Amino acid sequence: MPLDVQIGDIVRTRKPHACGGDRWRVYRVGADIGLRCLSCDRRIMLPRRKFERAVKAILRGDEAGGG
């Protein structure tokens, strides 16, 4: 069953990005998921299957805290 992810959600990944950040904001949802790194502002697109394996936690807008 696919994860319920929405635009604006903050996700934490299992492995950190090259800049050291592990928190991403979702900016596109569909067959591919668009993510923007909260540390360096880099944008990436991941196929949904790869995204679902990479995500560790989904934080909704209020739960995300100072990000």
PDB file of N, CA and C in Angstrom:
ATOM      1  N   MET A   1       0.842  -1.183   0.000  1.00  0.00           N
ATOM      2  CA  MET A   1       0.000   0.000   0.000  1.00  0.00           C
ATOM      3  C   MET A   1       0.886   1.245   0.000  1.00  0.00           C
ATOM      4  N   PRO A   2       0.630   2.212  -0.877  1.00  0.00           N
ATOM      5  CA  PRO A   2       1.489   3.396  -0.962  1.00  0.00           C
ATOM      6  C   PRO A   2       1.390   4.278   0.281  1.00  0.00           C
ATOM      7  N   LEU A   3       2.476   4.969   0.581  1.00  0.00           N
ATOM      8  CA  LEU A   3       2.487   5.908   1.688  1.00  0.00           C
ATOM      9  C   LEU A   3       1.584   7.092   1.373  1.00  0.00           C
ATOM     10  N   ASP A   4       0.938   7.634   2.396  1.00  0.00           N
ATOM     11  CA  ASP A   4       0.097   8.817   2.220  1.00  0.00           C
ATOM     12  C   ASP A   4       0.965  10.051   2.429  1.00  0.00           C
ATOM     13  N   VAL A   5       1.521  10.559   1.354  1.00  0.00           N
ATOM     14  CA  VAL A   5       2.378  11.735   1.412  1.00  0.00           C
ATOM     15  C   VAL A   5       1.705  12.849   0.629  1.00  0.00           C
ATOM     16  N   GLN A   6       1.796  14.070   1.155  1.00  0.00           N
ATOM     17  CA  GLN A   6       1.144  15.210   0.525  1.00  0.00           C
ATOM     18  C   GLN A   6       2.157  16.322   0.311  1.00  0.00           C
ATOM     19  N   ILE A   7       1.825  17.236  -0.602  1.00  0.00           N
ATOM     20  CA  ILE A   7       2.687  18.381  -0.863  1.00  0.00           C
ATOM     21  C   ILE A   7       2.818  19.203   0.422  1.00  0.00           C
ATOM     22  N   GLY A   8       4.034  19.586   0.742  1.00  0.00           N
ATOM     23  CA  GLY A   8       4.299  20.362   1.952  1.00  0.00           C
ATOM     24  C   GLY A   8       4.768  19.532   3.133  1.00  0.00           C
ATOM     25  N   ASP A   9       4.626  18.204   3.058  1.00  0.00           N
ATOM     26  CA  ASP A   9       5.100  17.341   4.140  1.00  0.00           C
ATOM     27  C   ASP A   9       6.622  17.382   4.207  1.00  0.00           C
ATOM     28  N   ILE A  10       7.146  17.194   5.399  1.00  0.00           N
ATOM     29  CA  ILE A  10       8.585  17.052   5.607  1.00  0.00           C
ATOM     30  C   ILE A  10       8.848  15.575   5.835  1.00  0.00           C
ATOM     31  N   VAL A  11       9.835  15.024   5.119  1.00  0.00           N
ATOM     32  CA  VAL A  11      10.192  13.620   5.303  1.00  0.00           C
ATOM     33  C   VAL A  11      11.646  13.517   5.750  1.00  0.00           C
ATOM     34  N   ARG A  12      11.907  12.528   6.570  1.00  0.00           N
ATOM     35  CA  ARG A  12      13.272  12.227   7.011  1.00  0.00           C
ATOM     36  C   ARG A  12      13.700  10.953   6.314  1.00  0.00           C
ATOM     37  N   THR A  13      14.885  10.975   5.683  1.00  0.00           N
ATOM     38  CA  THR A  13      15.365   9.816   4.939  1.00  0.00           C
ATOM     39  C   THR A  13      16.318   8.976   5.779  1.00  0.00           C
ATOM     40  N   ARG A  14      16.480   7.735   5.364  1.00  0.00           N
ATOM     41  CA  ARG A  14      17.368   6.818   6.088  1.00  0.00           C
ATOM     42  C   ARG A  14      18.836   7.219   5.944  1.00  0.00           C
ATOM     43  N   LYS A  15      19.212   7.644   4.728  1.00  0.00           N
ATOM     44  CA  LYS A  15      20.594   8.059   4.486  1.00  0.00           C
ATOM     45  C   LYS A  15      20.631   9.567   4.278  1.00  0.00           C
ATOM     46  N   PRO A  16      21.621  10.239   4.808  1.00  0.00           N
ATOM     47  CA  PRO A  16      21.696  11.696   4.617  1.00  0.00           C
ATOM     48  C   PRO A  16      22.106  12.074   3.199  1.00  0.00           C
ATOM     49  N   HIS A  17      21.745  13.273   2.803  1.00  0.00           N
ATOM     50  CA  HIS A  17      22.150  13.850   1.530  1.00  0.00           C
ATOM     51  C   HIS A  17      23.645  14.178   1.606  1.00  0.00           C
ATOM     52  N   ALA A  18      24.266  14.458   0.489  1.00  0.00           N
ATOM     53  CA  ALA A  18      25.698  14.779   0.462  1.00  0.00           C
ATOM     54  C   ALA A  18      26.031  15.999   1.316  1.00  0.00           C
ATOM     55  N   CYS A  19      25.072  16.922   1.479  1.00  0.00           N
ATOM     56  CA  CYS A  19      25.306  18.124   2.286  1.00  0.00           C
ATOM     57  C   CYS A  19      25.207  17.819   3.777  1.00  0.00           C
ATOM     58  N   GLY A  20      24.724  16.649   4.144  1.00  0.00           N
ATOM     59  CA  GLY A  20      24.601  16.256   5.544  1.00  0.00           C
ATOM     60  C   GLY A  20      23.172  16.297   6.068  1.00  0.00           C
ATOM     61  N   GLY A  21      22.258  16.906   5.319  1.00  0.00           N
ATOM     62  CA  GLY A  21      20.868  16.995   5.764  1.00  0.00           C
ATOM     63  C   GLY A  21      20.095  15.724   5.457  1.00  0.00           C
ATOM     64  N   ASP A  22      19.128  15.408   6.316  1.00  0.00           N
ATOM     65  CA  ASP A  22      18.293  14.225   6.078  1.00  0.00           C
ATOM     66  C   ASP A  22      16.813  14.581   6.070  1.00  0.00           C
ATOM     67  N   ARG A  23      16.504  15.879   5.998  1.00  0.00           N
ATOM     68  CA  ARG A  23      15.111  16.328   5.971  1.00  0.00           C
ATOM     69  C   ARG A  23      14.797  16.982   4.631  1.00  0.00           C
ATOM     70  N   TRP A  24      13.662  16.593   4.060  1.00  0.00           N
ATOM     71  CA  TRP A  24      13.252  17.042   2.731  1.00  0.00           C
ATOM     72  C   TRP A  24      11.811  17.504   2.764  1.00  0.00           C
ATOM     73  N   ARG A  25      11.458  18.521   1.966  1.00  0.00           N
ATOM     74  CA  ARG A  25      10.076  18.975   1.800  1.00  0.00           C
ATOM     75  C   ARG A  25       9.544  18.430   0.475  1.00  0.00           C
ATOM     76  N   VAL A  26       8.354  17.852   0.501  1.00  0.00           N
ATOM     77  CA  VAL A  26       7.719  17.311  -0.697  1.00  0.00           C
ATOM     78  C   VAL A  26       7.116  18.470  -1.483  1.00  0.00           C
ATOM     79  N   TYR A  27       7.482  18.588  -2.781  1.00  0.00           N
ATOM     80  CA  TYR A  27       6.906  19.629  -3.610  1.00  0.00           C
ATOM     81  C   TYR A  27       6.133  19.070  -4.797  1.00  0.00           C
ATOM     82  N   ARG A  28       6.169  17.774  -5.026  1.00  0.00           N
ATOM     83  CA  ARG A  28       5.412  17.163  -6.120  1.00  0.00           C
ATOM     84  C   ARG A  28       5.056  15.738  -5.726  1.00  0.00           C
ATOM     85  N   VAL A  29       3.823  15.329  -6.021  1.00  0.00           N
ATOM     86  CA  VAL A  29       3.357  13.983  -5.713  1.00  0.00           C
ATOM     87  C   VAL A  29       2.717  13.405  -6.970  1.00  0.00           C
ATOM     88  N   GLY A  30       3.057  12.188  -7.279  1.00  0.00           N
ATOM     89  CA  GLY A  30       2.514  11.485  -8.436  1.00  0.00           C
ATOM     90  C   GLY A  30       3.244  10.167  -8.556  1.00  0.00           C
ATOM     91  N   ALA A  31       3.502   9.741  -9.785  1.00  0.00           N
ATOM     92  CA  ALA A  31       4.295   8.530  -9.997  1.00  0.00           C
ATOM     93  C   ALA A  31       5.719   8.770  -9.505  1.00  0.00           C
ATOM     94  N   ASP A  32       6.195  10.007  -9.645  1.00  0.00           N
ATOM     95  CA  ASP A  32       7.482  10.429  -9.086  1.00  0.00           C
ATOM     96  C   ASP A  32       7.210  11.403  -7.947  1.00  0.00           C
ATOM     97  N   ILE A  33       8.087  11.399  -6.955  1.00  0.00           N
ATOM     98  CA  ILE A  33       7.959  12.306  -5.817  1.00  0.00           C
ATOM     99  C   ILE A  33       9.061  13.349  -5.933  1.00  0.00           C
ATOM    100  N   GLY A  34       8.679  14.608  -5.890  1.00  0.00           N
ATOM    101  CA  GLY A  34       9.652  15.701  -5.923  1.00  0.00           C
ATOM    102  C   GLY A  34       9.996  16.130  -4.517  1.00  0.00           C
ATOM    103  N   LEU A  35      11.297  16.202  -4.226  1.00  0.00           N
ATOM    104  CA  LEU A  35      11.775  16.572  -2.891  1.00  0.00           C
ATOM    105  C   LEU A  35      12.736  17.741  -2.982  1.00  0.00           C
ATOM    106  N   ARG A  36      12.736  18.589  -1.958  1.00  0.00           N
ATOM    107  CA  ARG A  36      13.681  19.694  -1.859  1.00  0.00           C
ATOM    108  C   ARG A  36      14.399  19.570  -0.518  1.00  0.00           C
ATOM    109  N   CYS A  37      15.724  19.528  -0.553  1.00  0.00           N
ATOM    110  CA  CYS A  37      16.532  19.401   0.662  1.00  0.00           C
ATOM    111  C   CYS A  37      16.380  20.665   1.500  1.00  0.00           C
ATOM    112  N   LEU A  38      16.131  20.514   2.790  1.00  0.00           N
ATOM    113  CA  LEU A  38      15.972  21.668   3.661  1.00  0.00           C
ATOM    114  C   LEU A  38      17.307  22.274   4.073  1.00  0.00           C
ATOM    115  N   SER A  39      18.415  21.574   3.836  1.00  0.00           N
ATOM    116  CA  SER A  39      19.737  22.108   4.185  1.00  0.00           C
ATOM    117  C   SER A  39      20.346  22.919   3.051  1.00  0.00           C
ATOM    118  N   CYS A  40      20.340  22.367   1.847  1.00  0.00           N
ATOM    119  CA  CYS A  40      21.036  23.017   0.726  1.00  0.00           C
ATOM    120  C   CYS A  40      20.102  23.467  -0.396  1.00  0.00           C
ATOM    121  N   ASP A  41      18.794  23.193  -0.275  1.00  0.00           N
ATOM    122  CA  ASP A  41      17.784  23.612  -1.246  1.00  0.00           C
ATOM    123  C   ASP A  41      17.886  22.888  -2.591  1.00  0.00           C
ATOM    124  N   ARG A  42      18.571  21.771  -2.663  1.00  0.00           N
ATOM    125  CA  ARG A  42      18.672  20.970  -3.891  1.00  0.00           C
ATOM    126  C   ARG A  42      17.353  20.256  -4.128  1.00  0.00           C
ATOM    127  N   ARG A  43      16.937  20.184  -5.388  1.00  0.00           N
ATOM    128  CA  ARG A  43      15.708  19.472  -5.759  1.00  0.00           C
ATOM    129  C   ARG A  43      16.048  18.151  -6.429  1.00  0.00           C
ATOM    130  N   ILE A  44      15.302  17.107  -6.072  1.00  0.00           N
ATOM    131  CA  ILE A  44      15.465  15.805  -6.706  1.00  0.00           C
ATOM    132  C   ILE A  44      14.084  15.216  -6.991  1.00  0.00           C
ATOM    133  N   MET A  45      14.049  14.286  -7.920  1.00  0.00           N
ATOM    134  CA  MET A  45      12.835  13.531  -8.226  1.00  0.00           C
ATOM    135  C   MET A  45      13.160  12.051  -8.025  1.00  0.00           C
ATOM    136  N   LEU A  46      12.309  11.358  -7.288  1.00  0.00           N
ATOM    137  CA  LEU A  46      12.485   9.924  -7.063  1.00  0.00           C
ATOM    138  C   LEU A  46      11.238   9.187  -7.515  1.00  0.00           C
ATOM    139  N   PRO A  47      11.419   8.033  -8.144  1.00  0.00           N
ATOM    140  CA  PRO A  47      10.244   7.188  -8.396  1.00  0.00           C
ATOM    141  C   PRO A  47       9.602   6.806  -7.063  1.00  0.00           C
ATOM    142  N   ARG A  48       8.291   6.678  -7.051  1.00  0.00           N
ATOM    143  CA  ARG A  48       7.581   6.428  -5.788  1.00  0.00           C
ATOM    144  C   ARG A  48       8.117   5.199  -5.048  1.00  0.00           C
ATOM    145  N   ARG A  49       8.419   4.143  -5.768  1.00  0.00           N
ATOM    146  CA  ARG A  49       8.923   2.917  -5.125  1.00  0.00           C
ATOM    147  C   ARG A  49      10.243   3.177  -4.394  1.00  0.00           C
ATOM    148  N   LYS A  50      11.161   3.891  -5.033  1.00  0.00           N
ATOM    149  CA  LYS A  50      12.450   4.207  -4.416  1.00  0.00           C
ATOM    150  C   LYS A  50      12.260   5.161  -3.229  1.00  0.00           C
ATOM    151  N   PHE A  51      11.353   6.116  -3.376  1.00  0.00           N
ATOM    152  CA  PHE A  51      11.051   7.052  -2.295  1.00  0.00           C
ATOM    153  C   PHE A  51      10.550   6.315  -1.059  1.00  0.00           C
ATOM    154  N   GLU A  52       9.620   5.371  -1.257  1.00  0.00           N
ATOM    155  CA  GLU A  52       9.034   4.654  -0.133  1.00  0.00           C
ATOM    156  C   GLU A  52      10.069   3.812   0.612  1.00  0.00           C
ATOM    157  N   ARG A  53      11.082   3.330  -0.100  1.00  0.00           N
ATOM    158  CA  ARG A  53      12.158   2.585   0.568  1.00  0.00           C
ATOM    159  C   ARG A  53      13.110   3.510   1.297  1.00  0.00           C
ATOM    160  N   ALA A  54      13.260   4.741   0.817  1.00  0.00           N
ATOM    161  CA  ALA A  54      14.239   5.671   1.382  1.00  0.00           C
ATOM    162  C   ALA A  54      13.714   6.435   2.594  1.00  0.00           C
ATOM    163  N   VAL A  55      12.394   6.562   2.725  1.00  0.00           N
ATOM    164  CA  VAL A  55      11.840   7.402   3.784  1.00  0.00           C
ATOM    165  C   VAL A  55      11.859   6.676   5.126  1.00  0.00           C
ATOM    166  N   LYS A  56      12.228   7.425   6.159  1.00  0.00           N
ATOM    167  CA  LYS A  56      12.278   6.889   7.516  1.00  0.00           C
ATOM    168  C   LYS A  56      11.061   7.354   8.309  1.00  0.00           C
ATOM    169  N   ALA A  57      10.674   8.626   8.127  1.00  0.00           N
ATOM    170  CA  ALA A  57       9.521   9.176   8.848  1.00  0.00           C
ATOM    171  C   ALA A  57       8.911  10.301   8.024  1.00  0.00           C
ATOM    172  N   ILE A  58       7.593  10.448   8.149  1.00  0.00           N
ATOM    173  CA  ILE A  58       6.882  11.548   7.510  1.00  0.00           C
ATOM    174  C   ILE A  58       6.395  12.469   8.627  1.00  0.00           C
ATOM    175  N   LEU A  59       6.785  13.730   8.540  1.00  0.00           N
ATOM    176  CA  LEU A  59       6.372  14.720   9.518  1.00  0.00           C
ATOM    177  C   LEU A  59       5.423  15.681   8.823  1.00  0.00           C
ATOM    178  N   ARG A  60       4.233  15.818   9.342  1.00  0.00           N
ATOM    179  CA  ARG A  60       3.265  16.765   8.766  1.00  0.00           C
ATOM    180  C   ARG A  60       3.715  18.182   9.116  1.00  0.00           C
ATOM    181  N   GLY A  61       3.074  19.172   8.557  1.00  0.00           N
ATOM    182  CA  GLY A  61       3.464  20.568   8.727  1.00  0.00           C
ATOM    183  C   GLY A  61       3.694  20.986  10.175  1.00  0.00           C
ATOM    184  N   ASP A  62       2.766  20.705  11.090  1.00  0.00           N
ATOM    185  CA  ASP A  62       2.889  21.121  12.479  1.00  0.00           C
ATOM    186  C   ASP A  62       3.933  20.313  13.244  1.00  0.00           C
ATOM    187  N   GLU A  63       4.131  19.062  12.872  1.00  0.00           N
ATOM    188  CA  GLU A  63       5.074  18.185  13.570  1.00  0.00           C
ATOM    189  C   GLU A  63       6.509  18.458  13.174  1.00  0.00           C
ATOM    190  N   ALA A  64       6.724  19.116  12.027  1.00  0.00           N
ATOM    191  CA  ALA A  64       8.062  19.256  11.469  1.00  0.00           C
ATOM    192  C   ALA A  64       8.975  20.121  12.315  1.00  0.00           C
ATOM    193  N   GLY A  65       8.446  21.098  12.995  1.00  0.00           N
ATOM    194  CA  GLY A  65       9.282  21.964  13.797  1.00  0.00           C
ATOM    195  C   GLY A  65      10.059  22.951  12.947  1.00  0.00           C
ATOM    196  N   GLY A  66      11.093  23.542  13.482  1.00  0.00           N
ATOM    197  CA  GLY A  66      11.830  24.609  12.827  1.00  0.00           C
ATOM    198  C   GLY A  66      12.530  24.206  11.558  1.00  0.00           C
ATOM    199  N   GLY A  67      11.821  24.065  10.444  1.00  0.00           N
ATOM    200  CA  GLY A  67      12.441  23.649   9.204  1.00  0.00           C
ATOM    201  C   GLY A  67      12.003  24.466   8.124  1.00  0.00           C
TER     202      GLY A  67
END
